[in-house]
Amino acid sequence: MNIRAWGEVAGVIGIFVLLTVVIAVAISQVAATWRAKAVLAREEEYRKLAERAVSSQENIERQLADMRTRLQSVEKVLKEVE
């Protein structure tokens, strides 16, 4: 093989390596985008779950306050009956 043939072989290998690197980087970027979207979706679901939990807790606190008021009135009536 002469020098020119070796230069063509080196050029083909260089192009192959370049294409391989570009494809690998593109695939890794697409995968990173998919992971980021998945993380955002998961965080959104966690936020909704936390909001529902807080809402439920506030509802329970209101019910407990109402029960506390009722219990105090029942205690007052029982003390008056004694």
C-alpha atoms as a PDB file:
ATOM      1  CA  MET A   1       0.000   0.000   0.000  1.00  0.00           C
ATOM      2  CA  ASN A   2       1.214   3.427  -0.737  1.00  0.00           C
ATOM      3  CA  ILE A   3       0.971   6.584   1.374  1.00  0.00           C
ATOM      4  CA  ARG A   4      -2.231   7.737  -0.300  1.00  0.00           C
ATOM      5  CA  ALA A   5      -3.997   4.465   0.502  1.00  0.00           C
ATOM      6  CA  TRP A   6      -2.973   4.755   4.154  1.00  0.00           C
ATOM      7  CA  GLY A   7      -4.300   8.314   4.188  1.00  0.00           C
ATOM      8  CA  GLU A   8      -7.655   7.125   2.836  1.00  0.00           C
ATOM      9  CA  VAL A   9      -7.808   4.355   5.446  1.00  0.00           C
ATOM     10  CA  ALA A  10      -7.026   6.856   8.192  1.00  0.00           C
ATOM     11  CA  GLY A  11      -9.700   9.207   6.833  1.00  0.00           C
ATOM     12  CA  VAL A  12     -12.329   6.452   6.778  1.00  0.00           C
ATOM     13  CA  ILE A  13     -11.414   5.405  10.316  1.00  0.00           C
ATOM     14  CA  GLY A  14     -11.538   9.039  11.440  1.00  0.00           C
ATOM     15  CA  ILE A  15     -14.981   9.568   9.920  1.00  0.00           C
ATOM     16  CA  PHE A  16     -16.210   6.316  11.487  1.00  0.00           C
ATOM     17  CA  VAL A  17     -14.924   7.380  14.911  1.00  0.00           C
ATOM     18  CA  LEU A  18     -16.444  10.842  14.500  1.00  0.00           C
ATOM     19  CA  LEU A  19     -19.847   9.412  13.538  1.00  0.00           C
ATOM     20  CA  THR A  20     -19.701   6.959  16.435  1.00  0.00           C
ATOM     21  CA  VAL A  21     -18.954   9.765  18.903  1.00  0.00           C
ATOM     22  CA  VAL A  22     -21.712  11.996  17.488  1.00  0.00           C
ATOM     23  CA  ILE A  23     -24.259   9.166  17.663  1.00  0.00           C
ATOM     24  CA  ALA A  24     -23.205   8.264  21.219  1.00  0.00           C
ATOM     25  CA  VAL A  25     -23.495  11.875  22.379  1.00  0.00           C
ATOM     26  CA  ALA A  26     -26.898  12.245  20.710  1.00  0.00           C
ATOM     27  CA  ILE A  27     -28.197   9.077  22.369  1.00  0.00           C
ATOM     28  CA  SER A  28     -26.906  10.165  25.782  1.00  0.00           C
ATOM     29  CA  GLN A  29     -28.542  13.595  25.384  1.00  0.00           C
ATOM     30  CA  VAL A  30     -31.875  12.048  24.408  1.00  0.00           C
ATOM     31  CA  ALA A  31     -31.670   9.714  27.396  1.00  0.00           C
ATOM     32  CA  ALA A  32     -30.863  12.632  29.709  1.00  0.00           C
ATOM     33  CA  THR A  33     -33.878  14.521  28.373  1.00  0.00           C
ATOM     34  CA  TRP A  34     -36.133  11.535  28.985  1.00  0.00           C
ATOM     35  CA  ARG A  35     -34.791  11.164  32.530  1.00  0.00           C
ATOM     36  CA  ALA A  36     -35.355  14.868  33.227  1.00  0.00           C
ATOM     37  CA  LYS A  37     -38.937  14.650  31.981  1.00  0.00           C
ATOM     38  CA  ALA A  38     -39.531  11.590  34.137  1.00  0.00           C
ATOM     39  CA  VAL A  39     -38.132  13.373  37.199  1.00  0.00           C
ATOM     40  CA  LEU A  40     -40.345  16.405  36.571  1.00  0.00           C
ATOM     41  CA  ALA A  41     -43.428  14.226  36.182  1.00  0.00           C
ATOM     42  CA  ARG A  42     -42.588  12.350  39.383  1.00  0.00           C
ATOM     43  CA  GLU A  43     -42.034  15.601  41.287  1.00  0.00           C
ATOM     44  CA  GLU A  44     -45.374  16.928  40.028  1.00  0.00           C
ATOM     45  CA  GLU A  45     -47.129  13.791  41.290  1.00  0.00           C
ATOM     46  CA  TYR A  46     -45.375  14.116  44.667  1.00  0.00           C
ATOM     47  CA  ARG A  47     -46.477  17.762  44.866  1.00  0.00           C
ATOM     48  CA  LYS A  48     -50.098  16.808  44.145  1.00  0.00           C
ATOM     49  CA  LEU A  49     -49.922  14.045  46.733  1.00  0.00           C
ATOM     50  CA  ALA A  50     -48.500  16.450  49.317  1.00  0.00           C
ATOM     51  CA  GLU A  51     -51.240  18.990  48.572  1.00  0.00           C
ATOM     52  CA  ARG A  52     -53.912  16.312  49.055  1.00  0.00           C
ATOM     53  CA  ALA A  53     -52.276  15.222  52.305  1.00  0.00           C
ATOM     54  CA  VAL A  54     -52.219  18.791  53.624  1.00  0.00           C
ATOM     55  CA  SER A  55     -55.842  19.296  52.603  1.00  0.00           C
ATOM     56  CA  SER A  56     -56.865  16.096  54.375  1.00  0.00           C
ATOM     57  CA  GLN A  57     -54.925  17.070  57.477  1.00  0.00           C
ATOM     58  CA  GLU A  58     -56.593  20.500  57.570  1.00  0.00           C
ATOM     59  CA  ASN A  59     -59.989  18.831  57.224  1.00  0.00           C
ATOM     60  CA  ILE A  60     -59.180  16.470  60.105  1.00  0.00           C
ATOM     61  CA  GLU A  61     -58.034  19.405  62.250  1.00  0.00           C
ATOM     62  CA  ARG A  62     -61.349  21.191  61.611  1.00  0.00           C
ATOM     63  CA  GLN A  63     -63.266  18.058  62.539  1.00  0.00           C
ATOM     64  CA  LEU A  64     -61.228  17.640  65.720  1.00  0.00           C
ATOM     65  CA  ALA A  65     -61.849  21.248  66.701  1.00  0.00           C
ATOM     66  CA  ASP A  66     -65.581  20.709  66.158  1.00  0.00           C
ATOM     67  CA  MET A  67     -65.504  17.511  68.229  1.00  0.00           C
ATOM     68  CA  ARG A  68     -63.540  19.292  70.960  1.00  0.00           C
ATOM     69  CA  THR A  69     -66.224  21.999  71.086  1.00  0.00           C
ATOM     70  CA  ARG A  70     -68.986  19.397  71.248  1.00  0.00           C
ATOM     71  CA  LEU A  71     -67.172  17.467  73.957  1.00  0.00           C
ATOM     72  CA  GLN A  72     -66.789  20.619  76.037  1.00  0.00           C
ATOM     73  CA  SER A  73     -70.508  21.300  75.747  1.00  0.00           C
ATOM     74  CA  VAL A  74     -71.312  17.697  76.747  1.00  0.00           C
ATOM     75  CA  GLU A  75     -68.970  18.002  79.743  1.00  0.00           C
ATOM     76  CA  LYS A  76     -70.675  21.239  80.722  1.00  0.00           C
ATOM     77  CA  VAL A  77     -74.102  19.578  80.553  1.00  0.00           C
ATOM     78  CA  LEU A  78     -72.864  16.609  82.602  1.00  0.00           C
ATOM     79  CA  LYS A  79     -71.445  18.914  85.257  1.00  0.00           C
ATOM     80  CA  GLU A  80     -74.744  20.764  85.455  1.00  0.00           C
ATOM     81  CA  VAL A  81     -76.646  17.488  85.856  1.00  0.00           C
ATOM     82  CA  GLU A  82     -74.495  16.386  88.809  1.00  0.00           C
END
